[in-house]
Protein backbone atom coordinates (compact mmCIF):
# COMPACT_ATOMS: atom_id res chain seq x y z
CA MET A 1 0.00 0.00 0.00
CA LEU A 2 2.74 2.47 0.96
CA LYS A 3 4.78 1.55 -2.12
CA ASN A 4 1.77 2.24 -4.39
CA ASN A 5 1.12 5.59 -2.71
CA LEU A 6 4.74 6.61 -3.09
CA LEU A 7 4.74 5.60 -6.75
CA ILE A 8 1.54 7.60 -7.37
CA LEU A 9 3.07 10.61 -5.59
CA ILE A 10 6.21 10.47 -7.72
CA LYS A 11 4.19 10.15 -10.94
CA LEU A 12 1.91 13.06 -10.01
CA VAL A 13 4.78 15.36 -9.04
CA PHE A 14 6.67 14.51 -12.22
CA ALA A 15 3.58 15.07 -14.39
CA CYS A 16 2.89 18.43 -12.74
CA LEU A 17 6.51 19.51 -13.15
CA VAL A 18 6.33 18.65 -16.85
CA LEU A 19 3.05 20.56 -17.09
CA PHE A 20 4.58 23.68 -15.56
CA LEU A 21 7.69 23.39 -17.75
CA THR A 22 5.51 23.07 -20.84
CA ALA A 23 3.42 26.09 -19.83
CA ASN A 24 6.62 28.06 -19.26
CA LEU A 25 7.94 27.03 -22.67
CA ILE A 26 4.70 28.05 -24.40
CA SER A 27 4.61 31.42 -22.66
CA GLU A 28 8.24 32.09 -23.64
CA LEU A 29 7.50 31.14 -27.24
CA LEU A 30 4.44 33.40 -27.35
CA ALA A 31 6.38 36.32 -25.88
CA SER A 32 9.18 35.79 -28.40
CA LEU A 33 6.64 35.62 -31.22
CA ILE A 34 5.07 38.92 -30.15
CA ILE A 35 8.51 40.56 -30.04
CA TYR A 36 9.27 39.09 -33.47
CA LEU A 37 6.08 40.54 -34.93
CA LYS A 38 6.73 43.97 -33.40
CA ARG A 39 10.52 44.35 -33.76
CA GLY A 40 11.62 41.77 -36.29
CA PHE A 41 13.85 39.51 -34.17
CA PHE A 42 13.09 36.30 -32.27
CA PRO A 43 14.70 36.41 -28.81
CA PHE A 44 13.78 32.86 -27.71
CA SER A 45 16.27 31.25 -25.36
CA TRP A 46 16.17 27.84 -23.71
CA GLU A 47 18.28 29.32 -20.92
CA ARG A 48 15.49 31.76 -20.03
CA VAL A 49 12.90 28.96 -20.11
CA PHE A 50 14.84 26.81 -17.66
CA THR A 51 15.92 29.76 -15.50
CA SER A 52 12.33 30.83 -15.07
CA PHE A 53 11.24 27.25 -14.35
CA PHE A 54 13.96 26.65 -11.77
CA THR A 55 13.36 29.95 -9.98
CA SER A 56 9.60 29.61 -9.53
CA GLY A 57 7.94 27.02 -11.76
CA TYR A 58 9.07 23.92 -9.92
CA VAL A 59 7.41 25.13 -6.71
CA GLY A 60 4.01 25.20 -8.38
CA GLY A 61 4.55 21.75 -9.84
CA LEU A 62 5.55 20.29 -6.49
CA ILE A 63 2.64 21.87 -4.65
CA LEU A 64 0.13 20.82 -7.31
CA GLY A 65 1.44 17.25 -7.41
CA ILE A 66 1.38 16.84 -3.64
CA GLY A 67 -2.04 18.48 -3.43
CA LEU A 68 -3.49 16.11 -6.02
CA TRP A 69 -1.96 13.14 -4.22
CA ILE A 70 -3.56 14.24 -0.92
CA LYS A 71 -6.92 14.66 -2.67
CA ILE A 72 -6.70 11.16 -4.17
CA TRP A 73 -5.64 9.70 -0.82
CA LEU A 74 -8.54 11.35 1.01
CA GLN A 75 -11.01 10.23 -1.67
CA GLU A 76 -9.81 6.62 -1.40
CA ARG A 77 -10.08 6.79 2.38
CA LYS A 78 -13.62 8.18 2.14
CA ASN A 79 -14.64 5.48 -0.34
CA LYS A 80 -13.15 2.76 1.86
CA GLU A 81 -15.09 4.04 4.91
CA SER A 82 -18.33 4.25 2.88
CA SER A 83 -18.00 0.69 1.59
CA SER A 84 -17.30 -0.74 5.05
CA GLU A 85 -20.54 0.62 6.51
């Protein structure tokens, strides 16, 4: 049981981190596209994507992943108590 919960937690945190990294990448691409349309150069940089992610994005991914895991855990506990009555 504990091994399954830990595996679910790791999967959720990883998925949320990837989600936040993807959102950060898309926002950087959109900002670079707007600058390209206005000024004529495309200032996209992978360094800025990862710098932004590692300064603030990973925190959101960790919190979201752990929060979803707690929600799933509480829902399973509630369902288990309902079925035992």
